[in-house]
Amino acid sequence: MEWTDGTRAVRAGAPAGEAGDPFLPGPVFAGTYHLPGEPVGPYQYGRHANPTWDALETAIGGLEGAADTVTFASGMAAVSAVLIGLTAPGDVVVLPSDGYPATRSVGEHLAERGITVRLAPTVGDDLEHALDGAGLVWLETPSNPGLDVCDIGRIAALAHEHGALVAVDNTLATPLGQLPLALGADISAASGTKALTGHSDVLLGYVACADPDVAARVRAWRRLTGAVPGPMEAWLAHRSLSTLHLRVDRQATNALALGEALLGRDDVSDVRHPALEGDPAYDVAHRQMRRFGCVVSFTLADADTARRFLGALELVADATSFGGVHSMAERRARWAGNDVAQGFVRFSAGCEDTGDLVRDVLRALDAASLG
């Protein structure tokens, strides 16, 4: 039977279970396994494989529609496995100029290895012009922090004409919001630290692949570098998947309500969320996304106003992440590598009651405007 998103999230990777079994077996802590005779079987050494990783990879792969999935110790470990593990000197790689700055930092490392790195914004003709001769194209959609959305199917088709692999950073959307592989991408990668696990207590990343041979190369990179997830982190991530649909639905509802409330204020500009009518990303997002994410971005007058706003919030943590059940916000220009205004705020809507959250934000804006 074809189950819908909520049911799939609850059941993702769950074993059939015998009488007396737990719904989700506990984490397996193992550095070594019994291995008499020749080294055969799935579990030979703790850096190579673990039953708890396997269960999580089955769960995520099912949600992403992947042929095979590889989990990592962090989102950046997953990014590096794709960008470094799948490239060689002489290759051409296309990266977003307006995406996560740490991804561009990996691009700097690639350039030092003799790989040509082309930077292009998420939307516009420059991205299509950068595809000629590329071997790997990395998309981030919606982009972080600007929330631009590119047409994955169109870019993937054009990139494949040039023989390139296409990877999509699916962190903000999650597999319940967007399915890059179904849209034509070869790889869907994400930081599971954020909305996938959702409780701000786990570092995790994954790479979901349409082709098992590509996944095998990514898994070989993990084995070589040792960028493996801890069994407890993997188990916590798997446990969290059962509430993924509940969390992302509430977060998206809160983000849209907040965006709509901000549109009417004179002290707020450049309000962005893909589900907002009139947003530049609205049309493309509604063609390829099922849920539109927890992040709203907007700009206040200057850095001091943004600091006063953040300081006046009661329900929102001043923290540098997104996707958690607790609402978070930050003045993004405090970090190097973000080409945003000094008063730019990235706001991650959590799972608080919608009315409470909107009231807290509007009250804090009033306080910030008074100085």
Protein backbone atom coordinates (compact mmCIF):
# COMPACT_ATOMS: atom_id res chain seq x y z
CA MET A 1 0.00 0.00 0.00
CA GLU A 2 1.16 3.54 -0.74
CA TRP A 3 1.38 5.40 2.57
CA THR A 4 1.33 9.19 2.97
CA ASP A 5 4.06 11.32 4.53
CA GLY A 6 3.09 11.16 8.19
CA THR A 7 2.72 7.38 8.17
CA ARG A 8 5.97 6.96 6.28
CA ALA A 9 7.81 9.14 8.79
CA VAL A 10 6.44 7.19 11.77
CA ARG A 11 7.29 3.83 10.21
CA ALA A 12 10.56 4.77 8.48
CA GLY A 13 13.12 2.02 8.87
CA ALA A 14 11.17 0.31 11.65
CA PRO A 15 11.65 -3.48 11.87
CA ALA A 16 8.64 -5.78 11.71
CA GLY A 17 9.33 -6.89 15.26
CA GLU A 18 8.77 -10.12 17.14
CA ALA A 19 6.84 -10.46 20.38
CA GLY A 20 8.68 -8.61 23.11
CA ASP A 21 10.85 -6.55 20.74
CA PRO A 22 11.07 -2.77 21.18
CA PHE A 23 9.57 -0.63 18.42
CA LEU A 24 13.05 0.72 17.66
CA PRO A 25 16.03 -1.41 18.76
CA GLY A 26 18.52 0.44 20.92
CA PRO A 27 21.88 1.69 19.67
CA VAL A 28 24.62 -0.84 19.05
CA PHE A 29 27.91 0.30 20.56
CA ALA A 30 30.65 -1.70 18.88
CA GLY A 31 34.20 -0.94 17.85
CA THR A 32 34.86 -4.57 16.97
CA TYR A 33 32.73 -7.59 16.06
CA HIS A 34 33.32 -11.33 16.35
CA LEU A 35 35.02 -12.21 13.06
CA PRO A 36 36.38 -15.78 12.97
CA GLY A 37 37.92 -17.06 9.76
CA GLU A 38 37.80 -14.90 6.65
CA PRO A 39 36.46 -11.31 6.91
CA VAL A 40 32.96 -11.80 5.52
CA GLY A 41 29.59 -10.48 6.59
CA PRO A 42 28.17 -6.97 6.99
CA TYR A 43 29.86 -6.14 10.31
CA GLN A 44 33.61 -6.46 10.44
CA TYR A 45 34.92 -3.30 12.14
CA GLY A 46 33.35 -0.31 13.86
CA ARG A 47 34.52 2.25 11.30
CA HIS A 48 33.06 0.25 8.42
CA ALA A 49 29.48 -0.46 9.45
CA ASN A 50 27.05 -0.51 12.36
CA PRO A 51 23.49 -1.90 12.62
CA THR A 52 22.21 1.39 14.06
CA TRP A 53 23.56 3.36 11.08
CA ASP A 54 22.04 0.79 8.74
CA ALA A 55 18.59 1.22 10.24
CA LEU A 56 18.79 5.01 10.01
CA GLU A 57 20.07 4.87 6.43
CA THR A 58 17.16 2.62 5.47
CA ALA A 59 14.76 5.09 7.07
CA ILE A 60 16.20 8.21 5.43
CA GLY A 61 16.60 6.45 2.10
CA GLY A 62 12.94 5.48 2.16
CA LEU A 63 11.89 9.08 2.79
CA GLU A 64 14.22 10.44 0.10
CA GLY A 65 13.36 7.74 -2.45
CA ALA A 66 17.03 6.76 -2.68
CA ALA A 67 18.70 3.61 -3.96
CA ASP A 68 21.25 3.87 -1.14
CA THR A 69 22.01 6.33 1.65
CA VAL A 70 25.16 7.02 3.68
CA THR A 71 25.11 8.78 7.05
CA PHE A 72 27.90 10.94 8.46
CA ALA A 73 29.06 12.55 11.68
CA SER A 74 27.85 15.99 10.56
CA GLY A 75 26.36 17.86 7.65
CA MET A 76 29.76 19.18 6.63
CA ALA A 77 31.16 15.65 6.62
CA ALA A 78 28.42 14.77 4.15
CA VAL A 79 29.13 17.86 2.02
CA SER A 80 32.85 17.07 1.98
CA ALA A 81 32.25 13.44 1.02
CA VAL A 82 30.43 14.58 -2.11
CA LEU A 83 32.57 17.56 -3.10
CA ILE A 84 35.94 16.00 -2.29
CA GLY A 85 35.20 12.29 -2.51
CA LEU A 86 33.59 12.47 -5.95
CA THR A 87 36.02 14.88 -7.66
CA ALA A 88 39.57 14.82 -8.96
CA PRO A 89 42.10 17.38 -10.24
CA GLY A 90 41.00 18.80 -13.59
CA ASP A 91 37.28 18.54 -12.81
CA VAL A 92 34.89 21.49 -12.89
CA VAL A 93 32.52 21.98 -9.95
CA VAL A 94 29.66 24.50 -9.74
CA LEU A 95 28.73 25.82 -6.30
CA PRO A 96 26.14 28.37 -5.14
CA SER A 97 27.58 31.83 -4.49
CA ASP A 98 24.69 32.64 -2.14
CA GLY A 99 24.47 29.42 -0.15
CA TYR A 100 25.98 28.12 3.07
CA PRO A 101 29.44 29.73 3.44
CA ALA A 102 31.12 26.53 4.66
CA THR A 103 30.26 24.86 1.36
CA ARG A 104 32.20 27.58 -0.45
CA SER A 105 35.06 26.98 1.99
CA VAL A 106 35.20 23.39 0.74
CA GLY A 107 35.31 24.91 -2.75
CA GLU A 108 38.47 26.79 -1.77
CA HIS A 109 40.03 23.47 -0.82
CA LEU A 110 38.99 22.01 -4.17
CA ALA A 111 40.66 24.88 -6.01
CA GLU A 112 43.89 24.15 -4.14
CA ARG A 113 43.68 20.57 -5.50
CA GLY A 114 43.51 21.70 -9.11
CA ILE A 115 39.73 21.63 -9.46
CA THR A 116 38.01 24.52 -11.23
CA VAL A 117 35.28 25.98 -9.03
CA ARG A 118 32.58 28.16 -10.56
CA LEU A 119 30.30 30.15 -8.27
CA ALA A 120 26.81 31.11 -9.43
CA PRO A 121 23.71 32.40 -7.62
CA THR A 122 20.81 30.05 -6.98
CA VAL A 123 18.54 31.83 -9.46
CA GLY A 124 19.30 33.52 -12.77
CA ASP A 125 21.05 32.78 -16.03
CA ASP A 126 24.53 32.66 -14.49
CA LEU A 127 23.87 29.18 -13.08
CA GLU A 128 22.91 27.75 -16.47
CA HIS A 129 25.93 29.40 -18.12
CA ALA A 130 28.23 27.77 -15.53
CA LEU A 131 27.20 24.22 -16.45
CA ASP A 132 29.33 23.82 -19.58
CA GLY A 133 32.07 21.27 -18.88
CA ALA A 134 31.01 20.73 -15.27
CA GLY A 135 31.41 17.32 -13.66
CA LEU A 136 29.49 18.12 -10.46
CA VAL A 137 26.82 20.72 -9.77
CA TRP A 138 25.85 21.51 -6.18
CA LEU A 139 22.48 23.22 -5.68
CA GLU A 140 21.11 24.63 -2.44
CA THR A 141 17.38 25.21 -2.65
CA PRO A 142 15.87 26.95 -0.79
CA SER A 143 19.15 28.76 -0.31
CA ASN A 144 20.46 29.62 3.14
CA PRO A 145 19.96 32.35 4.22
CA GLY A 146 18.36 34.17 1.25
CA LEU A 147 15.61 31.58 0.56
CA ASP A 148 15.89 31.63 -3.22
CA VAL A 149 14.56 28.54 -5.01
CA CYS A 150 15.84 27.10 -8.28
CA ASP A 151 14.07 24.69 -10.61
CA ILE A 152 15.80 21.40 -9.74
CA GLY A 153 14.33 19.48 -12.67
CA ARG A 154 15.39 22.06 -15.23
CA ILE A 155 18.92 22.46 -13.90
CA ALA A 156 19.37 18.71 -13.50
CA ALA A 157 18.31 18.09 -17.11
CA LEU A 158 20.71 20.75 -18.41
CA ALA A 159 23.56 19.52 -16.21
CA HIS A 160 23.05 15.93 -17.33
CA GLU A 161 23.39 17.07 -20.94
CA HIS A 162 26.93 18.13 -19.95
CA GLY A 163 27.55 14.81 -18.19
CA ALA A 164 27.50 16.32 -14.70
CA LEU A 165 26.28 14.81 -11.47
CA VAL A 166 23.76 17.01 -9.63
CA ALA A 167 23.67 17.21 -5.85
CA VAL A 168 21.04 19.15 -3.91
CA ASP A 169 21.41 20.40 -0.36
CA ASN A 170 18.00 19.40 1.01
CA THR A 171 18.61 20.56 4.57
CA LEU A 172 16.02 23.30 4.76
CA ALA A 173 13.24 21.48 2.88
CA THR A 174 13.74 17.98 4.37
CA PRO A 175 12.55 14.95 2.37
CA LEU A 176 8.98 15.71 3.46
CA GLY A 177 9.20 19.11 1.80
CA GLN A 178 11.10 18.25 -1.37
CA LEU A 179 12.34 15.14 -3.18
CA PRO A 180 15.39 16.12 -5.26
CA LEU A 181 15.97 12.60 -6.58
CA ALA A 182 12.43 12.38 -7.94
CA LEU A 183 13.00 15.76 -9.61
CA GLY A 184 16.07 14.45 -11.45
CA ALA A 185 19.01 15.08 -9.10
CA ASP A 186 21.58 12.34 -8.51
CA ILE A 187 22.25 13.16 -4.86
CA SER A 188 20.21 14.63 -2.02
CA ALA A 189 22.46 15.63 0.89
CA ALA A 190 21.59 17.33 4.14
CA SER A 191 22.61 18.31 7.61
CA GLY A 192 20.48 16.11 9.84
CA THR A 193 21.50 18.39 12.69
CA LYS A 194 18.66 20.71 11.78
CA ALA A 195 15.02 19.96 10.91
CA LEU A 196 15.50 16.24 10.25
CA THR A 197 16.29 15.52 13.90
CA GLY A 198 14.79 18.77 15.15
CA HIS A 199 15.80 18.89 18.81
CA SER A 200 19.12 20.75 18.56
CA ASP A 201 20.95 17.91 20.31
CA VAL A 202 22.45 15.83 17.47
CA LEU A 203 25.16 16.41 14.87
CA LEU A 204 24.49 14.32 11.78
CA GLY A 205 24.64 14.39 7.97
CA TYR A 206 23.60 12.14 5.14
CA VAL A 207 24.01 11.60 1.41
CA ALA A 208 21.10 9.88 -0.39
CA CYS A 209 21.89 8.65 -3.90
CA ALA A 210 19.84 7.61 -6.91
CA ASP A 211 22.68 5.34 -8.12
CA PRO A 212 24.10 2.71 -5.72
CA ASP A 213 27.49 2.99 -7.44
CA VAL A 214 27.69 6.67 -6.49
CA ALA A 215 26.69 5.75 -2.94
CA ALA A 216 29.46 3.13 -2.86
CA ARG A 217 32.02 5.83 -3.68
CA VAL A 218 30.61 8.07 -0.96
CA ARG A 219 30.66 5.19 1.55
CA ALA A 220 34.28 4.43 0.63
CA TRP A 221 35.15 8.06 1.42
CA ARG A 222 33.45 7.75 4.82
CA ARG A 223 35.37 4.58 5.57
CA LEU A 224 38.65 6.19 4.54
CA THR A 225 38.17 9.39 6.54
CA GLY A 226 36.36 7.88 9.51
CA ALA A 227 33.61 10.54 9.38
CA VAL A 228 31.11 8.10 10.89
CA PRO A 229 28.10 8.95 13.06
CA GLY A 230 28.06 7.80 16.65
CA PRO A 231 25.57 5.00 17.37
CA MET A 232 23.73 7.13 19.94
CA GLU A 233 23.44 10.04 17.49
CA ALA A 234 22.17 7.70 14.79
CA TRP A 235 19.60 6.19 17.14
CA LEU A 236 18.41 9.60 18.34
CA ALA A 237 18.05 10.72 14.73
CA HIS A 238 16.02 7.64 13.84
CA ARG A 239 13.80 8.13 16.89
CA SER A 240 13.20 11.75 15.86
CA LEU A 241 11.97 10.82 12.38
CA SER A 242 8.67 9.60 13.81
CA THR A 243 7.67 13.20 14.60
CA LEU A 244 9.21 14.80 11.51
CA HIS A 245 5.88 15.42 9.79
CA LEU A 246 4.37 16.98 12.91
CA ARG A 247 7.33 19.26 13.43
CA VAL A 248 7.79 20.46 9.87
CA ASP A 249 4.07 21.10 9.46
CA ARG A 250 3.91 23.26 12.60
CA GLN A 251 7.17 25.03 11.75
CA ALA A 252 5.99 25.82 8.22
CA THR A 253 2.66 27.11 9.56
CA ASN A 254 4.46 29.34 12.05
CA ALA A 255 6.94 30.59 9.46
CA LEU A 256 4.21 31.56 7.01
CA ALA A 257 2.11 33.25 9.72
CA LEU A 258 5.14 35.21 10.87
CA GLY A 259 6.03 36.23 7.33
CA GLU A 260 2.50 37.45 6.69
CA ALA A 261 2.53 39.46 9.93
CA LEU A 262 5.85 41.08 9.03
CA LEU A 263 4.72 42.18 5.58
CA GLY A 264 2.55 44.89 7.05
CA ARG A 265 5.26 46.60 9.09
CA ASP A 266 7.11 49.73 7.98
CA ASP A 267 10.15 48.85 10.12
CA VAL A 268 10.72 45.51 8.34
CA SER A 269 11.86 45.05 4.73
CA ASP A 270 12.73 42.23 2.34
CA VAL A 271 10.53 39.60 4.03
CA ARG A 272 11.18 36.21 2.41
CA HIS A 273 9.53 32.80 2.70
CA PRO A 274 8.78 30.54 -0.28
CA ALA A 275 5.10 30.16 0.65
CA LEU A 276 4.40 33.89 0.82
CA GLU A 277 2.30 35.07 -2.12
CA GLY A 278 4.38 37.50 -4.14
CA ASP A 279 7.69 36.04 -2.95
CA PRO A 280 10.17 35.68 -5.85
CA ALA A 281 10.42 31.95 -5.08
CA TYR A 282 6.68 31.34 -4.82
CA ASP A 283 5.94 29.88 -8.27
CA VAL A 284 8.92 27.51 -8.51
CA ALA A 285 8.56 26.46 -4.88
CA HIS A 286 4.91 25.53 -5.36
CA ARG A 287 5.80 23.41 -8.37
CA GLN A 288 8.45 21.31 -6.65
CA MET A 289 7.93 21.54 -2.87
CA ARG A 290 5.25 20.01 -0.64
CA ARG A 291 6.26 21.92 2.51
CA PHE A 292 8.07 25.23 2.53
CA GLY A 293 10.37 25.18 5.52
CA CYS A 294 10.77 26.85 8.87
CA VAL A 295 12.98 29.79 7.91
CA VAL A 296 11.82 33.36 7.37
CA SER A 297 14.32 36.09 6.54
CA PHE A 298 13.84 39.83 6.85
CA THR A 299 15.87 42.99 7.27
CA LEU A 300 15.74 45.61 10.01
CA ALA A 301 17.14 49.13 9.82
CA ASP A 302 20.66 48.35 11.02
CA ALA A 303 22.74 46.10 13.24
CA ASP A 304 21.77 47.89 16.46
CA THR A 305 18.07 47.57 15.72
CA ALA A 306 18.53 43.87 15.00
CA ARG A 307 20.42 43.40 18.27
CA ARG A 308 17.67 45.17 20.22
CA PHE A 309 15.05 43.03 18.51
CA LEU A 310 16.87 39.79 19.33
CA GLY A 311 17.42 40.89 22.90
CA ALA A 312 13.73 41.70 23.40
CA LEU A 313 12.42 38.30 22.31
CA GLU A 314 11.13 35.99 25.03
CA LEU A 315 10.27 32.82 23.11
CA VAL A 316 13.15 32.89 20.62
CA ALA A 317 16.78 31.93 21.22
CA ASP A 318 19.61 33.96 19.68
CA ALA A 319 21.36 30.96 18.15
CA THR A 320 23.06 29.99 14.91
CA SER A 321 21.00 27.14 13.52
CA PHE A 322 17.53 26.36 12.23
CA GLY A 323 15.00 23.56 12.16
CA GLY A 324 14.64 22.94 15.88
CA VAL A 325 11.44 22.71 17.90
CA HIS A 326 12.55 25.89 19.68
CA SER A 327 12.37 29.09 17.63
CA MET A 328 15.76 30.65 16.91
CA ALA A 329 16.94 33.83 15.22
CA GLU A 330 20.19 35.61 14.59
CA ARG A 331 21.72 38.62 12.91
CA ARG A 332 23.35 36.68 10.13
CA ALA A 333 25.94 39.33 9.23
CA ARG A 334 27.77 38.59 12.48
CA TRP A 335 29.34 35.65 10.63
CA ALA A 336 31.88 36.13 7.87
CA GLY A 337 30.94 34.93 4.40
CA ASN A 338 27.31 36.06 4.45
CA ASP A 339 26.66 38.77 1.87
CA VAL A 340 23.68 40.27 3.69
CA ALA A 341 22.75 43.62 5.22
CA GLN A 342 23.84 44.37 8.77
CA GLY A 343 20.22 44.25 9.92
CA PHE A 344 19.41 40.97 8.14
CA VAL A 345 17.71 38.45 10.43
CA ARG A 346 17.42 34.72 9.75
CA PHE A 347 14.48 33.45 11.78
CA SER A 348 13.79 29.75 12.33
CA ALA A 349 10.20 29.18 13.43
CA GLY A 350 9.82 26.43 15.98
CA CYS A 351 6.83 24.50 17.27
CA GLU A 352 5.43 27.03 19.73
CA ASP A 353 1.77 28.03 19.44
CA THR A 354 1.47 30.23 16.38
CA GLY A 355 -0.29 33.13 18.08
CA ASP A 356 2.20 33.24 20.95
CA LEU A 357 5.16 33.28 18.59
CA VAL A 358 3.79 36.02 16.34
CA ARG A 359 2.86 38.18 19.33
CA ASP A 360 6.33 37.81 20.81
CA VAL A 361 7.99 38.85 17.54
CA LEU A 362 5.73 41.86 17.00
CA ARG A 363 6.23 43.00 20.59
CA ALA A 364 10.03 42.68 20.24
CA LEU A 365 9.93 44.67 17.01
CA ASP A 366 8.00 47.44 18.75
CA ALA A 367 10.58 47.48 21.54
CA ALA A 368 13.48 47.57 19.06
CA SER A 369 11.94 50.44 17.13
CA LEU A 370 11.64 52.52 20.31
CA GLY A 371 15.37 52.15 20.86
